[in-house]
Amino acid sequence: DKARVVALNKCDALDAKTIATRRKALEKASGGPVHVISGVAGMGLTDVLRVLYAQIKHEAPVVDDAPWQP
């Protein structure tokens, strides 16, 4: 029931065909989109961070006077 973001990491070490095959399998298993990322190469990080931000912004309750807490 919780929101989730799924990513296929370390893609800098994989060829395009392997990435496509594994992404498709993860999308089937998770039932949603899979983001292709690589921390080392910086690939896809901006996009996945935007998705995370949008999801947090959408899910977070709005409380005017309460301090932020995790």
PDB file of N, CA and C in Angstrom:
ATOM      1  N   ASP A   1       0.807  -1.214   0.000  1.00  0.00           N
ATOM      2  CA  ASP A   1       0.000   0.000   0.000  1.00  0.00           C
ATOM      3  C   ASP A   1       0.847   1.275   0.000  1.00  0.00           C
ATOM      4  N   LYS A   2       2.136   1.139   0.271  1.00  0.00           N
ATOM      5  CA  LYS A   2       3.012   2.304   0.309  1.00  0.00           C
ATOM      6  C   LYS A   2       3.505   2.657  -1.090  1.00  0.00           C
ATOM      7  N   ALA A   3       3.757   3.945  -1.276  1.00  0.00           N
ATOM      8  CA  ALA A   3       4.343   4.399  -2.540  1.00  0.00           C
ATOM      9  C   ALA A   3       5.767   3.871  -2.618  1.00  0.00           C
ATOM     10  N   ARG A   4       6.219   3.606  -3.850  1.00  0.00           N
ATOM     11  CA  ARG A   4       7.581   3.110  -4.012  1.00  0.00           C
ATOM     12  C   ARG A   4       8.151   3.582  -5.338  1.00  0.00           C
ATOM     13  N   VAL A   5       9.456   3.636  -5.345  1.00  0.00           N
ATOM     14  CA  VAL A   5      10.197   3.966  -6.559  1.00  0.00           C
ATOM     15  C   VAL A   5      11.205   2.845  -6.747  1.00  0.00           C
ATOM     16  N   VAL A   6      11.176   2.210  -7.907  1.00  0.00           N
ATOM     17  CA  VAL A   6      12.061   1.073  -8.190  1.00  0.00           C
ATOM     18  C   VAL A   6      13.128   1.530  -9.177  1.00  0.00           C
ATOM     19  N   ALA A   7      14.385   1.156  -8.877  1.00  0.00           N
ATOM     20  CA  ALA A   7      15.490   1.540  -9.753  1.00  0.00           C
ATOM     21  C   ALA A   7      16.405   0.349  -9.997  1.00  0.00           C
ATOM     22  N   LEU A   8      16.911   0.288 -11.199  1.00  0.00           N
ATOM     23  CA  LEU A   8      17.926  -0.694 -11.591  1.00  0.00           C
ATOM     24  C   LEU A   8      19.252   0.048 -11.549  1.00  0.00           C
ATOM     25  N   ASN A   9      20.104  -0.306 -10.599  1.00  0.00           N
ATOM     26  CA  ASN A   9      21.345   0.416 -10.335  1.00  0.00           C
ATOM     27  C   ASN A   9      22.548  -0.277 -10.976  1.00  0.00           C
ATOM     28  N   LYS A  10      23.666   0.416 -10.989  1.00  0.00           N
ATOM     29  CA  LYS A  10      24.940  -0.063 -11.519  1.00  0.00           C
ATOM     30  C   LYS A  10      24.868  -0.334 -13.026  1.00  0.00           C
ATOM     31  N   CYS A  11      24.051   0.443 -13.719  1.00  0.00           N
ATOM     32  CA  CYS A  11      23.836   0.235 -15.147  1.00  0.00           C
ATOM     33  C   CYS A  11      25.013   0.669 -16.005  1.00  0.00           C
ATOM     34  N   ASP A  12      25.969   1.360 -15.412  1.00  0.00           N
ATOM     35  CA  ASP A  12      27.162   1.725 -16.159  1.00  0.00           C
ATOM     36  C   ASP A  12      27.980   0.484 -16.520  1.00  0.00           C
ATOM     37  N   ALA A  13      27.753  -0.614 -15.815  1.00  0.00           N
ATOM     38  CA  ALA A  13      28.496  -1.853 -16.054  1.00  0.00           C
ATOM     39  C   ALA A  13      27.759  -2.813 -16.990  1.00  0.00           C
ATOM     40  N   LEU A  14      26.598  -2.400 -17.503  1.00  0.00           N
ATOM     41  CA  LEU A  14      25.782  -3.282 -18.346  1.00  0.00           C
ATOM     42  C   LEU A  14      25.644  -2.713 -19.751  1.00  0.00           C
ATOM     43  N   ASP A  15      25.460  -3.601 -20.727  1.00  0.00           N
ATOM     44  CA  ASP A  15      25.196  -3.132 -22.088  1.00  0.00           C
ATOM     45  C   ASP A  15      23.703  -2.839 -22.242  1.00  0.00           C
ATOM     46  N   ALA A  16      23.342  -2.159 -23.315  1.00  0.00           N
ATOM     47  CA  ALA A  16      21.955  -1.713 -23.532  1.00  0.00           C
ATOM     48  C   ALA A  16      20.967  -2.874 -23.576  1.00  0.00           C
ATOM     49  N   LYS A  17      21.352  -3.984 -24.188  1.00  0.00           N
ATOM     50  CA  LYS A  17      20.451  -5.131 -24.287  1.00  0.00           C
ATOM     51  C   LYS A  17      20.169  -5.730 -22.904  1.00  0.00           C
ATOM     52  N   THR A  18      21.205  -5.855 -22.079  1.00  0.00           N
ATOM     53  CA  THR A  18      21.030  -6.391 -20.724  1.00  0.00           C
ATOM     54  C   THR A  18      20.158  -5.469 -19.886  1.00  0.00           C
ATOM     55  N   ILE A  19      20.399  -4.165 -20.009  1.00  0.00           N
ATOM     56  CA  ILE A  19      19.585  -3.193 -19.270  1.00  0.00           C
ATOM     57  C   ILE A  19      18.121  -3.323 -19.657  1.00  0.00           C
ATOM     58  N   ALA A  20      17.838  -3.405 -20.951  1.00  0.00           N
ATOM     59  CA  ALA A  20      16.454  -3.510 -21.431  1.00  0.00           C
ATOM     60  C   ALA A  20      15.790  -4.785 -20.920  1.00  0.00           C
ATOM     61  N   THR A  21      16.515  -5.896 -20.965  1.00  0.00           N
ATOM     62  CA  THR A  21      15.969  -7.179 -20.508  1.00  0.00           C
ATOM     63  C   THR A  21      15.659  -7.149 -19.015  1.00  0.00           C
ATOM     64  N   ARG A  22      16.608  -6.647 -18.234  1.00  0.00           N
ATOM     65  CA  ARG A  22      16.422  -6.605 -16.776  1.00  0.00           C
ATOM     66  C   ARG A  22      15.370  -5.584 -16.364  1.00  0.00           C
ATOM     67  N   ARG A  23      15.326  -4.474 -17.057  1.00  0.00           N
ATOM     68  CA  ARG A  23      14.307  -3.463 -16.765  1.00  0.00           C
ATOM     69  C   ARG A  23      12.913  -4.026 -17.010  1.00  0.00           C
ATOM     70  N   LYS A  24      12.747  -4.698 -18.133  1.00  0.00           N
ATOM     71  CA  LYS A  24      11.448  -5.290 -18.459  1.00  0.00           C
ATOM     72  C   LYS A  24      11.040  -6.319 -17.410  1.00  0.00           C
ATOM     73  N   ALA A  25      11.975  -7.150 -16.970  1.00  0.00           N
ATOM     74  CA  ALA A  25      11.678  -8.159 -15.944  1.00  0.00           C
ATOM     75  C   ALA A  25      11.302  -7.497 -14.619  1.00  0.00           C
ATOM     76  N   LEU A  26      12.013  -6.432 -14.237  1.00  0.00           N
ATOM     77  CA  LEU A  26      11.682  -5.723 -12.992  1.00  0.00           C
ATOM     78  C   LEU A  26      10.332  -5.036 -13.079  1.00  0.00           C
ATOM     79  N   GLU A  27      10.021  -4.453 -14.233  1.00  0.00           N
ATOM     80  CA  GLU A  27       8.711  -3.815 -14.404  1.00  0.00           C
ATOM     81  C   GLU A  27       7.591  -4.831 -14.282  1.00  0.00           C
ATOM     82  N   LYS A  28       7.808  -6.007 -14.837  1.00  0.00           N
ATOM     83  CA  LYS A  28       6.802  -7.068 -14.731  1.00  0.00           C
ATOM     84  C   LYS A  28       6.656  -7.521 -13.282  1.00  0.00           C
ATOM     85  N   ALA A  29       7.771  -7.710 -12.594  1.00  0.00           N
ATOM     86  CA  ALA A  29       7.737  -8.185 -11.207  1.00  0.00           C
ATOM     87  C   ALA A  29       7.167  -7.143 -10.242  1.00  0.00           C
ATOM     88  N   SER A  30       7.491  -5.871 -10.480  1.00  0.00           N
ATOM     89  CA  SER A  30       7.058  -4.824  -9.545  1.00  0.00           C
ATOM     90  C   SER A  30       5.706  -4.222  -9.915  1.00  0.00           C
ATOM     91  N   GLY A  31       5.304  -4.385 -11.162  1.00  0.00           N
ATOM     92  CA  GLY A  31       4.026  -3.826 -11.587  1.00  0.00           C
ATOM     93  C   GLY A  31       4.054  -2.322 -11.812  1.00  0.00           C
ATOM     94  N   GLY A  32       5.235  -1.783 -12.018  1.00  0.00           N
ATOM     95  CA  GLY A  32       5.349  -0.347 -12.232  1.00  0.00           C
ATOM     96  C   GLY A  32       6.614   0.002 -12.976  1.00  0.00           C
ATOM     97  N   PRO A  33       6.846   1.299 -13.156  1.00  0.00           N
ATOM     98  CA  PRO A  33       8.025   1.724 -13.898  1.00  0.00           C
ATOM     99  C   PRO A  33       9.320   1.457 -13.129  1.00  0.00           C
ATOM    100  N   VAL A  34      10.396   1.246 -13.866  1.00  0.00           N
ATOM    101  CA  VAL A  34      11.719   1.029 -13.281  1.00  0.00           C
ATOM    102  C   VAL A  34      12.647   2.090 -13.862  1.00  0.00           C
ATOM    103  N   HIS A  35      13.338   2.793 -12.983  1.00  0.00           N
ATOM    104  CA  HIS A  35      14.281   3.822 -13.391  1.00  0.00           C
ATOM    105  C   HIS A  35      15.665   3.204 -13.513  1.00  0.00           C
ATOM    106  N   VAL A  36      16.347   3.534 -14.586  1.00  0.00           N
ATOM    107  CA  VAL A  36      17.697   3.028 -14.836  1.00  0.00           C
ATOM    108  C   VAL A  36      18.679   4.072 -14.324  1.00  0.00           C
ATOM    109  N   ILE A  37      19.536   3.672 -13.357  1.00  0.00           N
ATOM    110  CA  ILE A  37      20.460   4.629 -12.753  1.00  0.00           C
ATOM    111  C   ILE A  37      21.866   4.046 -12.608  1.00  0.00           C
ATOM    112  N   SER A  38      22.807   4.940 -12.393  1.00  0.00           N
ATOM    113  CA  SER A  38      24.179   4.578 -12.042  1.00  0.00           C
ATOM    114  C   SER A  38      24.740   5.701 -11.194  1.00  0.00           C
ATOM    115  N   GLY A  39      25.070   5.386  -9.961  1.00  0.00           N
ATOM    116  CA  GLY A  39      25.652   6.391  -9.082  1.00  0.00           C
ATOM    117  C   GLY A  39      27.029   6.823  -9.556  1.00  0.00           C
ATOM    118  N   VAL A  40      27.829   5.887 -10.030  1.00  0.00           N
ATOM    119  CA  VAL A  40      29.187   6.182 -10.484  1.00  0.00           C
ATOM    120  C   VAL A  40      29.175   7.095 -11.701  1.00  0.00           C
ATOM    121  N   ALA A  41      28.360   6.768 -12.682  1.00  0.00           N
ATOM    122  CA  ALA A  41      28.304   7.548 -13.922  1.00  0.00           C
ATOM    123  C   ALA A  41      27.352   8.734 -13.833  1.00  0.00           C
ATOM    124  N   GLY A  42      26.526   8.788 -12.768  1.00  0.00           N
ATOM    125  CA  GLY A  42      25.553   9.861 -12.621  1.00  0.00           C
ATOM    126  C   GLY A  42      24.369   9.718 -13.551  1.00  0.00           C
ATOM    127  N   MET A  43      24.189   8.538 -14.119  1.00  0.00           N
ATOM    128  CA  MET A  43      23.134   8.296 -15.104  1.00  0.00           C
ATOM    129  C   MET A  43      21.770   8.138 -14.425  1.00  0.00           C
ATOM    130  N   GLY A  44      20.805   8.930 -14.856  1.00  0.00           N
ATOM    131  CA  GLY A  44      19.431   8.795 -14.393  1.00  0.00           C
ATOM    132  C   GLY A  44      19.151   9.326 -12.998  1.00  0.00           C
ATOM    133  N   LEU A  45      20.145   9.877 -12.327  1.00  0.00           N
ATOM    134  CA  LEU A  45      19.958  10.318 -10.944  1.00  0.00           C
ATOM    135  C   LEU A  45      19.022  11.516 -10.821  1.00  0.00           C
ATOM    136  N   THR A  46      19.165  12.481 -11.699  1.00  0.00           N
ATOM    137  CA  THR A  46      18.301  13.665 -11.642  1.00  0.00           C
ATOM    138  C   THR A  46      16.847  13.269 -11.832  1.00  0.00           C
ATOM    139  N   ASP A  47      16.583  12.398 -12.771  1.00  0.00           N
ATOM    140  CA  ASP A  47      15.203  11.973 -13.033  1.00  0.00           C
ATOM    141  C   ASP A  47      14.609  11.237 -11.836  1.00  0.00           C
ATOM    142  N   VAL A  48      15.363  10.316 -11.247  1.00  0.00           N
ATOM    143  CA  VAL A  48      14.824   9.553 -10.122  1.00  0.00           C
ATOM    144  C   VAL A  48      14.662  10.447  -8.891  1.00  0.00           C
ATOM    145  N   LEU A  49      15.536  11.421  -8.713  1.00  0.00           N
ATOM    146  CA  LEU A  49      15.369  12.362  -7.597  1.00  0.00           C
ATOM    147  C   LEU A  49      14.125  13.224  -7.781  1.00  0.00           C
ATOM    148  N   ARG A  50      13.830  13.596  -9.016  1.00  0.00           N
ATOM    149  CA  ARG A  50      12.602  14.366  -9.290  1.00  0.00           C
ATOM    150  C   ARG A  50      11.360  13.540  -8.979  1.00  0.00           C
ATOM    151  N   VAL A  51      11.398  12.265  -9.333  1.00  0.00           N
ATOM    152  CA  VAL A  51      10.274  11.368  -9.042  1.00  0.00           C
ATOM    153  C   VAL A  51      10.102  11.220  -7.534  1.00  0.00           C
ATOM    154  N   LEU A  52      11.205  11.037  -6.819  1.00  0.00           N
ATOM    155  CA  LEU A  52      11.144  10.913  -5.359  1.00  0.00           C
ATOM    156  C   LEU A  52      10.588  12.183  -4.727  1.00  0.00           C
ATOM    157  N   TYR A  53      11.070  13.328  -5.164  1.00  0.00           N
ATOM    158  CA  TYR A  53      10.590  14.598  -4.625  1.00  0.00           C
ATOM    159  C   TYR A  53       9.091  14.770  -4.855  1.00  0.00           C
ATOM    160  N   ALA A  54       8.647  14.476  -6.060  1.00  0.00           N
ATOM    161  CA  ALA A  54       7.222  14.619  -6.383  1.00  0.00           C
ATOM    162  C   ALA A  54       6.376  13.693  -5.522  1.00  0.00           C
ATOM    163  N   GLN A  55       6.875  12.485  -5.297  1.00  0.00           N
ATOM    164  CA  GLN A  55       6.121  11.532  -4.498  1.00  0.00           C
ATOM    165  C   GLN A  55       6.068  11.960  -3.030  1.00  0.00           C
ATOM    166  N   ILE A  56       7.183  12.447  -2.510  1.00  0.00           N
ATOM    167  CA  ILE A  56       7.213  12.913  -1.124  1.00  0.00           C
ATOM    168  C   ILE A  56       6.309  14.123  -0.961  1.00  0.00           C
ATOM    169  N   LYS A  57       6.387  15.036  -1.898  1.00  0.00           N
ATOM    170  CA  LYS A  57       5.552  16.238  -1.844  1.00  0.00           C
ATOM    171  C   LYS A  57       4.071  15.880  -1.890  1.00  0.00           C
ATOM    172  N   HIS A  58       3.730  14.891  -2.695  1.00  0.00           N
ATOM    173  CA  HIS A  58       2.339  14.458  -2.835  1.00  0.00           C
ATOM    174  C   HIS A  58       1.850  13.725  -1.588  1.00  0.00           C
ATOM    175  N   GLU A  59       2.692  12.919  -0.968  1.00  0.00           N
ATOM    176  CA  GLU A  59       2.303  12.069   0.155  1.00  0.00           C
ATOM    177  C   GLU A  59       2.368  12.765   1.504  1.00  0.00           C
ATOM    178  N   ALA A  60       3.220  13.773   1.641  1.00  0.00           N
ATOM    179  CA  ALA A  60       3.440  14.401   2.948  1.00  0.00           C
ATOM    180  C   ALA A  60       2.206  15.195   3.379  1.00  0.00           C
ATOM    181  N   PRO A  61       1.779  14.997   4.630  1.00  0.00           N
ATOM    182  CA  PRO A  61       0.650  15.784   5.132  1.00  0.00           C
ATOM    183  C   PRO A  61       1.077  17.244   5.331  1.00  0.00           C
ATOM    184  N   VAL A  62       0.155  18.143   5.094  1.00  0.00           N
ATOM    185  CA  VAL A  62       0.429  19.562   5.269  1.00  0.00           C
ATOM    186  C   VAL A  62      -0.008  19.969   6.665  1.00  0.00           C
ATOM    187  N   VAL A  63       0.975  20.353   7.488  1.00  0.00           N
ATOM    188  CA  VAL A  63       0.709  20.828   8.834  1.00  0.00           C
ATOM    189  C   VAL A  63       1.475  22.137   8.984  1.00  0.00           C
ATOM    190  N   ASP A  64       0.770  23.225   9.185  1.00  0.00           N
ATOM    191  CA  ASP A  64       1.394  24.543   9.171  1.00  0.00           C
ATOM    192  C   ASP A  64       2.361  24.792  10.343  1.00  0.00           C
ATOM    193  N   ASP A  65       1.979  24.452  11.553  1.00  0.00           N
ATOM    194  CA  ASP A  65       2.771  24.836  12.722  1.00  0.00           C
ATOM    195  C   ASP A  65       3.697  23.749  13.247  1.00  0.00           C
ATOM    196  N   ALA A  66       3.580  22.554  12.747  1.00  0.00           N
ATOM    197  CA  ALA A  66       4.396  21.458  13.254  1.00  0.00           C
ATOM    198  C   ALA A  66       5.786  21.483  12.627  1.00  0.00           C
ATOM    199  N   PRO A  67       6.823  21.223  13.442  1.00  0.00           N
ATOM    200  CA  PRO A  67       8.172  21.142  12.866  1.00  0.00           C
ATOM    201  C   PRO A  67       8.303  19.898  12.016  1.00  0.00           C
ATOM    202  N   TRP A  68       9.176  19.968  11.012  1.00  0.00           N
ATOM    203  CA  TRP A  68       9.403  18.818  10.157  1.00  0.00           C
ATOM    204  C   TRP A  68      10.091  17.704  10.939  1.00  0.00           C
ATOM    205  N   GLN A  69       9.689  16.495  10.683  1.00  0.00           N
ATOM    206  CA  GLN A  69      10.359  15.335  11.269  1.00  0.00           C
ATOM    207  C   GLN A  69      10.211  14.150  10.344  1.00  0.00           C
ATOM    208  N   PRO A  70      11.226  13.268  10.326  1.00  0.00           N
ATOM    209  CA  PRO A  70      11.170  12.116   9.415  1.00  0.00           C
ATOM    210  C   PRO A  70      10.130  11.106   9.826  1.00  0.00           C
TER     211      PRO A  70
END
